[in-house]
Amino acid sequence: AWIRVDDGTDRIGDIGVYLRSESPPDIPDRIPEILFEIVSPGKVSHQRDYVSKREEDRALGIREYVIVDRFARTMRVHAR
């Protein structure tokens, strides 16, 4: 899922789920309803996936943010 965070920042989410729309805006301006992030190895990546991206996604209005952590063998769902 290609997401425009702000005018100077675009990023790619691991898996984005877009529900059907009458007239969908162009990606990256369209916000997915559900976004999955797969946790990357390392402390910096862990902080980014669990905190930074989650805060950005909440501010963008993403309805559900799912964190899949293969290292901890967990999945967390954060819903609005």
PDB file of N, CA and C in Angstrom:
ATOM      1  N   ALA A   1       0.850  -1.177   0.000  1.00  0.00           N
ATOM      2  CA  ALA A   1       0.000   0.000   0.000  1.00  0.00           C
ATOM      3  C   ALA A   1       0.890   1.231   0.000  1.00  0.00           C
ATOM      4  N   TRP A   2       0.807   1.992  -1.059  1.00  0.00           N
ATOM      5  CA  TRP A   2       1.574   3.222  -1.178  1.00  0.00           C
ATOM      6  C   TRP A   2       0.764   4.323  -0.519  1.00  0.00           C
ATOM      7  N   ILE A   3       1.343   4.971   0.499  1.00  0.00           N
ATOM      8  CA  ILE A   3       0.626   5.955   1.307  1.00  0.00           C
ATOM      9  C   ILE A   3       1.388   7.268   1.309  1.00  0.00           C
ATOM     10  N   ARG A   4       0.674   8.370   1.113  1.00  0.00           N
ATOM     11  CA  ARG A   4       1.271   9.699   1.240  1.00  0.00           C
ATOM     12  C   ARG A   4       1.012  10.180   2.663  1.00  0.00           C
ATOM     13  N   VAL A   5       2.063  10.245   3.476  1.00  0.00           N
ATOM     14  CA  VAL A   5       1.955  10.672   4.866  1.00  0.00           C
ATOM     15  C   VAL A   5       1.777  12.180   4.946  1.00  0.00           C
ATOM     16  N   ASP A   6       2.579  12.912   4.179  1.00  0.00           N
ATOM     17  CA  ASP A   6       2.455  14.368   4.079  1.00  0.00           C
ATOM     18  C   ASP A   6       3.071  14.781   2.747  1.00  0.00           C
ATOM     19  N   ASP A   7       3.181  16.084   2.501  1.00  0.00           N
ATOM     20  CA  ASP A   7       3.679  16.555   1.205  1.00  0.00           C
ATOM     21  C   ASP A   7       5.084  16.059   0.881  1.00  0.00           C
ATOM     22  N   GLY A   8       5.878  15.807   1.895  1.00  0.00           N
ATOM     23  CA  GLY A   8       7.259  15.379   1.656  1.00  0.00           C
ATOM     24  C   GLY A   8       7.537  13.928   1.957  1.00  0.00           C
ATOM     25  N   THR A   9       6.522  13.164   2.383  1.00  0.00           N
ATOM     26  CA  THR A   9       6.766  11.793   2.819  1.00  0.00           C
ATOM     27  C   THR A   9       5.757  10.815   2.226  1.00  0.00           C
ATOM     28  N   ASP A  10       6.259   9.862   1.472  1.00  0.00           N
ATOM     29  CA  ASP A  10       5.488   8.719   1.006  1.00  0.00           C
ATOM     30  C   ASP A  10       6.140   7.483   1.607  1.00  0.00           C
ATOM     31  N   ARG A  11       5.344   6.446   1.835  1.00  0.00           N
ATOM     32  CA  ARG A  11       5.926   5.180   2.284  1.00  0.00           C
ATOM     33  C   ARG A  11       5.062   4.036   1.797  1.00  0.00           C
ATOM     34  N   ILE A  12       5.633   2.862   1.876  1.00  0.00           N
ATOM     35  CA  ILE A  12       4.950   1.657   1.420  1.00  0.00           C
ATOM     36  C   ILE A  12       4.625   0.789   2.630  1.00  0.00           C
ATOM     37  N   GLY A  13       3.331   0.554   2.858  1.00  0.00           N
ATOM     38  CA  GLY A  13       2.912  -0.392   3.887  1.00  0.00           C
ATOM     39  C   GLY A  13       3.020  -1.797   3.310  1.00  0.00           C
ATOM     40  N   ASP A  14       3.139  -2.793   4.159  1.00  0.00           N
ATOM     41  CA  ASP A  14       3.338  -4.152   3.667  1.00  0.00           C
ATOM     42  C   ASP A  14       2.121  -4.684   2.915  1.00  0.00           C
ATOM     43  N   ILE A  15       0.933  -4.547   3.490  1.00  0.00           N
ATOM     44  CA  ILE A  15      -0.303  -4.980   2.823  1.00  0.00           C
ATOM     45  C   ILE A  15      -1.388  -3.966   3.151  1.00  0.00           C
ATOM     46  N   GLY A  16      -2.028  -3.427   2.137  1.00  0.00           N
ATOM     47  CA  GLY A  16      -3.123  -2.489   2.332  1.00  0.00           C
ATOM     48  C   GLY A  16      -4.407  -3.070   1.781  1.00  0.00           C
ATOM     49  N   VAL A  17      -5.496  -2.896   2.510  1.00  0.00           N
ATOM     50  CA  VAL A  17      -6.808  -3.367   2.075  1.00  0.00           C
ATOM     51  C   VAL A  17      -7.668  -2.143   1.806  1.00  0.00           C
ATOM     52  N   TYR A  18      -8.106  -2.023   0.555  1.00  0.00           N
ATOM     53  CA  TYR A  18      -8.950  -0.916   0.131  1.00  0.00           C
ATOM     54  C   TYR A  18     -10.348  -1.463  -0.137  1.00  0.00           C
ATOM     55  N   LEU A  19     -11.344  -0.906   0.517  1.00  0.00           N
ATOM     56  CA  LEU A  19     -12.709  -1.323   0.252  1.00  0.00           C
ATOM     57  C   LEU A  19     -13.206  -0.616  -1.003  1.00  0.00           C
ATOM     58  N   ARG A  20     -14.184  -1.191  -1.609  1.00  0.00           N
ATOM     59  CA  ARG A  20     -14.715  -0.656  -2.861  1.00  0.00           C
ATOM     60  C   ARG A  20     -15.280   0.754  -2.658  1.00  0.00           C
ATOM     61  N   SER A  21     -15.084   1.581  -3.670  1.00  0.00           N
ATOM     62  CA  SER A  21     -15.540   2.966  -3.592  1.00  0.00           C
ATOM     63  C   SER A  21     -16.177   3.362  -4.928  1.00  0.00           C
ATOM     64  N   GLU A  22     -17.115   4.286  -4.891  1.00  0.00           N
ATOM     65  CA  GLU A  22     -17.757   4.761  -6.118  1.00  0.00           C
ATOM     66  C   GLU A  22     -16.754   5.443  -7.047  1.00  0.00           C
ATOM     67  N   SER A  23     -15.963   6.335  -6.507  1.00  0.00           N
ATOM     68  CA  SER A  23     -14.954   7.034  -7.309  1.00  0.00           C
ATOM     69  C   SER A  23     -13.660   7.102  -6.512  1.00  0.00           C
ATOM     70  N   PRO A  24     -12.868   6.046  -6.583  1.00  0.00           N
ATOM     71  CA  PRO A  24     -11.652   6.003  -5.766  1.00  0.00           C
ATOM     72  C   PRO A  24     -10.629   7.062  -6.180  1.00  0.00           C
ATOM     73  N   PRO A  25     -10.067   7.775  -5.201  1.00  0.00           N
ATOM     74  CA  PRO A  25      -8.995   8.726  -5.511  1.00  0.00           C
ATOM     75  C   PRO A  25      -7.739   7.970  -5.937  1.00  0.00           C
ATOM     76  N   ASP A  26      -6.838   8.676  -6.562  1.00  0.00           N
ATOM     77  CA  ASP A  26      -5.594   8.060  -6.998  1.00  0.00           C
ATOM     78  C   ASP A  26      -4.729   7.667  -5.818  1.00  0.00           C
ATOM     79  N   ILE A  27      -4.089   6.516  -5.947  1.00  0.00           N
ATOM     80  CA  ILE A  27      -3.087   6.104  -4.966  1.00  0.00           C
ATOM     81  C   ILE A  27      -1.860   6.955  -5.264  1.00  0.00           C
ATOM     82  N   PRO A  28      -1.158   7.572  -4.349  1.00  0.00           N
ATOM     83  CA  PRO A  28      -1.114   7.291  -2.922  1.00  0.00           C
ATOM     84  C   PRO A  28      -2.044   8.149  -2.078  1.00  0.00           C
ATOM     85  N   ASP A  29      -2.921   8.925  -2.702  1.00  0.00           N
ATOM     86  CA  ASP A  29      -3.804   9.786  -1.909  1.00  0.00           C
ATOM     87  C   ASP A  29      -4.945   9.018  -1.264  1.00  0.00           C
ATOM     88  N   ARG A  30      -5.262   7.835  -1.766  1.00  0.00           N
ATOM     89  CA  ARG A  30      -6.308   7.020  -1.161  1.00  0.00           C
ATOM     90  C   ARG A  30      -5.747   6.306   0.066  1.00  0.00           C
ATOM     91  N   ILE A  31      -6.502   6.312   1.137  1.00  0.00           N
ATOM     92  CA  ILE A  31      -6.071   5.701   2.398  1.00  0.00           C
ATOM     93  C   ILE A  31      -6.701   4.308   2.509  1.00  0.00           C
ATOM     94  N   PRO A  32      -5.891   3.272   2.791  1.00  0.00           N
ATOM     95  CA  PRO A  32      -6.481   1.943   2.953  1.00  0.00           C
ATOM     96  C   PRO A  32      -7.303   1.872   4.240  1.00  0.00           C
ATOM     97  N   GLU A  33      -8.332   1.025   4.236  1.00  0.00           N
ATOM     98  CA  GLU A  33      -9.129   0.841   5.450  1.00  0.00           C
ATOM     99  C   GLU A  33      -8.372  -0.007   6.476  1.00  0.00           C
ATOM    100  N   ILE A  34      -7.598  -0.963   5.995  1.00  0.00           N
ATOM    101  CA  ILE A  34      -6.803  -1.830   6.872  1.00  0.00           C
ATOM    102  C   ILE A  34      -5.373  -1.854   6.339  1.00  0.00           C
ATOM    103  N   LEU A  35      -4.407  -1.740   7.244  1.00  0.00           N
ATOM    104  CA  LEU A  35      -3.004  -1.794   6.856  1.00  0.00           C
ATOM    105  C   LEU A  35      -2.283  -2.818   7.721  1.00  0.00           C
ATOM    106  N   PHE A  36      -1.560  -3.708   7.075  1.00  0.00           N
ATOM    107  CA  PHE A  36      -0.760  -4.709   7.769  1.00  0.00           C
ATOM    108  C   PHE A  36       0.699  -4.298   7.696  1.00  0.00           C
ATOM    109  N   GLU A  37       1.380  -4.366   8.828  1.00  0.00           N
ATOM    110  CA  GLU A  37       2.820  -4.140   8.881  1.00  0.00           C
ATOM    111  C   GLU A  37       3.476  -5.398   9.438  1.00  0.00           C
ATOM    112  N   ILE A  38       4.476  -5.882   8.737  1.00  0.00           N
ATOM    113  CA  ILE A  38       5.253  -7.034   9.190  1.00  0.00           C
ATOM    114  C   ILE A  38       6.502  -6.460   9.851  1.00  0.00           C
ATOM    115  N   VAL A  39       6.710  -6.778  11.129  1.00  0.00           N
ATOM    116  CA  VAL A  39       7.826  -6.218  11.892  1.00  0.00           C
ATOM    117  C   VAL A  39       9.149  -6.693  11.301  1.00  0.00           C
ATOM    118  N   SER A  40      10.037  -5.740  11.081  1.00  0.00           N
ATOM    119  CA  SER A  40      11.372  -6.031  10.563  1.00  0.00           C
ATOM    120  C   SER A  40      12.325  -6.284  11.717  1.00  0.00           C
ATOM    121  N   PRO A  41      13.440  -6.991  11.463  1.00  0.00           N
ATOM    122  CA  PRO A  41      14.398  -7.252  12.544  1.00  0.00           C
ATOM    123  C   PRO A  41      15.114  -5.973  12.983  1.00  0.00           C
ATOM    124  N   GLY A  42      15.505  -5.944  14.239  1.00  0.00           N
ATOM    125  CA  GLY A  42      16.272  -4.825  14.773  1.00  0.00           C
ATOM    126  C   GLY A  42      15.446  -3.883  15.623  1.00  0.00           C
ATOM    127  N   LYS A  43      16.135  -3.247  16.566  1.00  0.00           N
ATOM    128  CA  LYS A  43      15.479  -2.359  17.524  1.00  0.00           C
ATOM    129  C   LYS A  43      14.877  -1.122  16.850  1.00  0.00           C
ATOM    130  N   VAL A  44      15.596  -0.531  15.907  1.00  0.00           N
ATOM    131  CA  VAL A  44      15.108   0.663  15.221  1.00  0.00           C
ATOM    132  C   VAL A  44      13.851   0.325  14.425  1.00  0.00           C
ATOM    133  N   SER A  45      13.862  -0.797  13.717  1.00  0.00           N
ATOM    134  CA  SER A  45      12.700  -1.220  12.939  1.00  0.00           C
ATOM    135  C   SER A  45      11.516  -1.516  13.840  1.00  0.00           C
ATOM    136  N   HIS A  46      11.783  -2.132  14.975  1.00  0.00           N
ATOM    137  CA  HIS A  46      10.730  -2.460  15.940  1.00  0.00           C
ATOM    138  C   HIS A  46      10.030  -1.180  16.402  1.00  0.00           C
ATOM    139  N   GLN A  47      10.803  -0.173  16.760  1.00  0.00           N
ATOM    140  CA  GLN A  47      10.257   1.120  17.200  1.00  0.00           C
ATOM    141  C   GLN A  47       9.435   1.756  16.084  1.00  0.00           C
ATOM    142  N   ARG A  48       9.955   1.718  14.870  1.00  0.00           N
ATOM    143  CA  ARG A  48       9.258   2.311  13.727  1.00  0.00           C
ATOM    144  C   ARG A  48       7.931   1.598  13.475  1.00  0.00           C
ATOM    145  N   ASP A  49       7.937   0.268  13.452  1.00  0.00           N
ATOM    146  CA  ASP A  49       6.726  -0.493  13.131  1.00  0.00           C
ATOM    147  C   ASP A  49       5.675  -0.428  14.229  1.00  0.00           C
ATOM    148  N   TYR A  50       6.101  -0.454  15.493  1.00  0.00           N
ATOM    149  CA  TYR A  50       5.147  -0.448  16.607  1.00  0.00           C
ATOM    150  C   TYR A  50       4.667   0.948  17.002  1.00  0.00           C
ATOM    151  N   VAL A  51       5.507   1.971  16.819  1.00  0.00           N
ATOM    152  CA  VAL A  51       5.155   3.300  17.328  1.00  0.00           C
ATOM    153  C   VAL A  51       4.992   4.328  16.200  1.00  0.00           C
ATOM    154  N   SER A  52       6.046   4.606  15.473  1.00  0.00           N
ATOM    155  CA  SER A  52       6.025   5.696  14.483  1.00  0.00           C
ATOM    156  C   SER A  52       4.969   5.492  13.402  1.00  0.00           C
ATOM    157  N   LYS A  53       4.988   4.340  12.751  1.00  0.00           N
ATOM    158  CA  LYS A  53       4.023   4.085  11.680  1.00  0.00           C
ATOM    159  C   LYS A  53       2.606   4.022  12.221  1.00  0.00           C
ATOM    160  N   ARG A  54       2.438   3.480  13.391  1.00  0.00           N
ATOM    161  CA  ARG A  54       1.094   3.389  13.982  1.00  0.00           C
ATOM    162  C   ARG A  54       0.513   4.779  14.221  1.00  0.00           C
ATOM    163  N   GLU A  55       1.331   5.693  14.730  1.00  0.00           N
ATOM    164  CA  GLU A  55       0.871   7.062  14.965  1.00  0.00           C
ATOM    165  C   GLU A  55       0.531   7.764  13.651  1.00  0.00           C
ATOM    166  N   GLU A  56       1.360   7.566  12.627  1.00  0.00           N
ATOM    167  CA  GLU A  56       1.077   8.155  11.313  1.00  0.00           C
ATOM    168  C   GLU A  56      -0.235   7.613  10.760  1.00  0.00           C
ATOM    169  N   ASP A  57      -0.415   6.309  10.854  1.00  0.00           N
ATOM    170  CA  ASP A  57      -1.610   5.678  10.301  1.00  0.00           C
ATOM    171  C   ASP A  57      -2.871   6.131  11.022  1.00  0.00           C
ATOM    172  N   ARG A  58      -2.792   6.314  12.311  1.00  0.00           N
ATOM    173  CA  ARG A  58      -3.944   6.809  13.075  1.00  0.00           C
ATOM    174  C   ARG A  58      -4.297   8.222  12.606  1.00  0.00           C
ATOM    175  N   ALA A  59      -3.283   9.062  12.430  1.00  0.00           N
ATOM    176  CA  ALA A  59      -3.516  10.438  11.983  1.00  0.00           C
ATOM    177  C   ALA A  59      -4.108  10.485  10.572  1.00  0.00           C
ATOM    178  N   LEU A  60      -3.770   9.510   9.730  1.00  0.00           N
ATOM    179  CA  LEU A  60      -4.294   9.465   8.361  1.00  0.00           C
ATOM    180  C   LEU A  60      -5.731   8.953   8.297  1.00  0.00           C
ATOM    181  N   GLY A  61      -6.191   8.298   9.357  1.00  0.00           N
ATOM    182  CA  GLY A  61      -7.557   7.791   9.382  1.00  0.00           C
ATOM    183  C   GLY A  61      -7.703   6.340   8.991  1.00  0.00           C
ATOM    184  N   ILE A  62      -6.617   5.594   9.011  1.00  0.00           N
ATOM    185  CA  ILE A  62      -6.696   4.162   8.713  1.00  0.00           C
ATOM    186  C   ILE A  62      -7.492   3.495   9.829  1.00  0.00           C
ATOM    187  N   ARG A  63      -8.494   2.695   9.459  1.00  0.00           N
ATOM    188  CA  ARG A  63      -9.414   2.113  10.445  1.00  0.00           C
ATOM    189  C   ARG A  63      -8.774   1.035  11.314  1.00  0.00           C
ATOM    190  N   GLU A  64      -7.983   0.163  10.691  1.00  0.00           N
ATOM    191  CA  GLU A  64      -7.327  -0.908  11.456  1.00  0.00           C
ATOM    192  C   GLU A  64      -5.872  -1.008  11.031  1.00  0.00           C
ATOM    193  N   TYR A  65      -5.001  -1.130  12.021  1.00  0.00           N
ATOM    194  CA  TYR A  65      -3.570  -1.282  11.809  1.00  0.00           C
ATOM    195  C   TYR A  65      -3.170  -2.595  12.451  1.00  0.00           C
ATOM    196  N   VAL A  66      -2.694  -3.528  11.645  1.00  0.00           N
ATOM    197  CA  VAL A  66      -2.367  -4.868  12.129  1.00  0.00           C
ATOM    198  C   VAL A  66      -0.847  -5.033  12.106  1.00  0.00           C
ATOM    199  N   ILE A  67      -0.288  -5.367  13.258  1.00  0.00           N
ATOM    200  CA  ILE A  67       1.154  -5.580  13.371  1.00  0.00           C
ATOM    201  C   ILE A  67       1.394  -7.079  13.503  1.00  0.00           C
ATOM    202  N   VAL A  68       2.112  -7.635  12.537  1.00  0.00           N
ATOM    203  CA  VAL A  68       2.467  -9.056  12.561  1.00  0.00           C
ATOM    204  C   VAL A  68       3.938  -9.135  12.942  1.00  0.00           C
ATOM    205  N   ASP A  69       4.202  -9.737  14.102  1.00  0.00           N
ATOM    206  CA  ASP A  69       5.573  -9.850  14.615  1.00  0.00           C
ATOM    207  C   ASP A  69       5.977 -11.318  14.591  1.00  0.00           C
ATOM    208  N   ARG A  70       6.704 -11.693  13.548  1.00  0.00           N
ATOM    209  CA  ARG A  70       7.101 -13.103  13.417  1.00  0.00           C
ATOM    210  C   ARG A  70       8.144 -13.504  14.452  1.00  0.00           C
ATOM    211  N   PHE A  71       8.862 -12.540  15.004  1.00  0.00           N
ATOM    212  CA  PHE A  71       9.877 -12.841  16.002  1.00  0.00           C
ATOM    213  C   PHE A  71       9.234 -13.182  17.346  1.00  0.00           C
ATOM    214  N   ALA A  72       8.196 -12.435  17.705  1.00  0.00           N
ATOM    215  CA  ALA A  72       7.475 -12.693  18.956  1.00  0.00           C
ATOM    216  C   ALA A  72       6.306 -13.659  18.740  1.00  0.00           C
ATOM    217  N   ARG A  73       6.048 -14.011  17.481  1.00  0.00           N
ATOM    218  CA  ARG A  73       4.933 -14.883  17.106  1.00  0.00           C
ATOM    219  C   ARG A  73       3.598 -14.327  17.609  1.00  0.00           C
ATOM    220  N   THR A  74       3.412 -13.030  17.324  1.00  0.00           N
ATOM    221  CA  THR A  74       2.181 -12.360  17.740  1.00  0.00           C
ATOM    222  C   THR A  74       1.607 -11.553  16.585  1.00  0.00           C
ATOM    223  N   MET A  75       0.334 -11.232  16.729  1.00  0.00           N
ATOM    224  CA  MET A  75      -0.336 -10.333  15.820  1.00  0.00           C
ATOM    225  C   MET A  75      -1.198  -9.409  16.676  1.00  0.00           C
ATOM    226  N   ARG A  76      -1.059  -8.104  16.471  1.00  0.00           N
ATOM    227  CA  ARG A  76      -1.844  -7.125  17.228  1.00  0.00           C
ATOM    228  C   ARG A  76      -2.710  -6.344  16.255  1.00  0.00           C
ATOM    229  N   VAL A  77      -3.945  -6.136  16.636  1.00  0.00           N
ATOM    230  CA  VAL A  77      -4.863  -5.358  15.815  1.00  0.00           C
ATOM    231  C   VAL A  77      -5.250  -4.105  16.589  1.00  0.00           C
ATOM    232  N   HIS A  78      -4.983  -2.960  15.979  1.00  0.00           N
ATOM    233  CA  HIS A  78      -5.352  -1.675  16.568  1.00  0.00           C
ATOM    234  C   HIS A  78      -6.468  -1.097  15.712  1.00  0.00           C
ATOM    235  N   ALA A  79      -7.632  -0.925  16.319  1.00  0.00           N
ATOM    236  CA  ALA A  79      -8.793  -0.426  15.580  1.00  0.00           C
ATOM    237  C   ALA A  79      -9.200   0.938  16.124  1.00  0.00           C
ATOM    238  N   ARG A  80      -9.745   1.757  15.239  1.00  0.00           N
ATOM    239  CA  ARG A  80     -10.243   3.086  15.631  1.00  0.00           C
ATOM    240  C   ARG A  80     -11.575   2.928  16.313  1.00  0.00           C
TER     241      ARG A  80
END
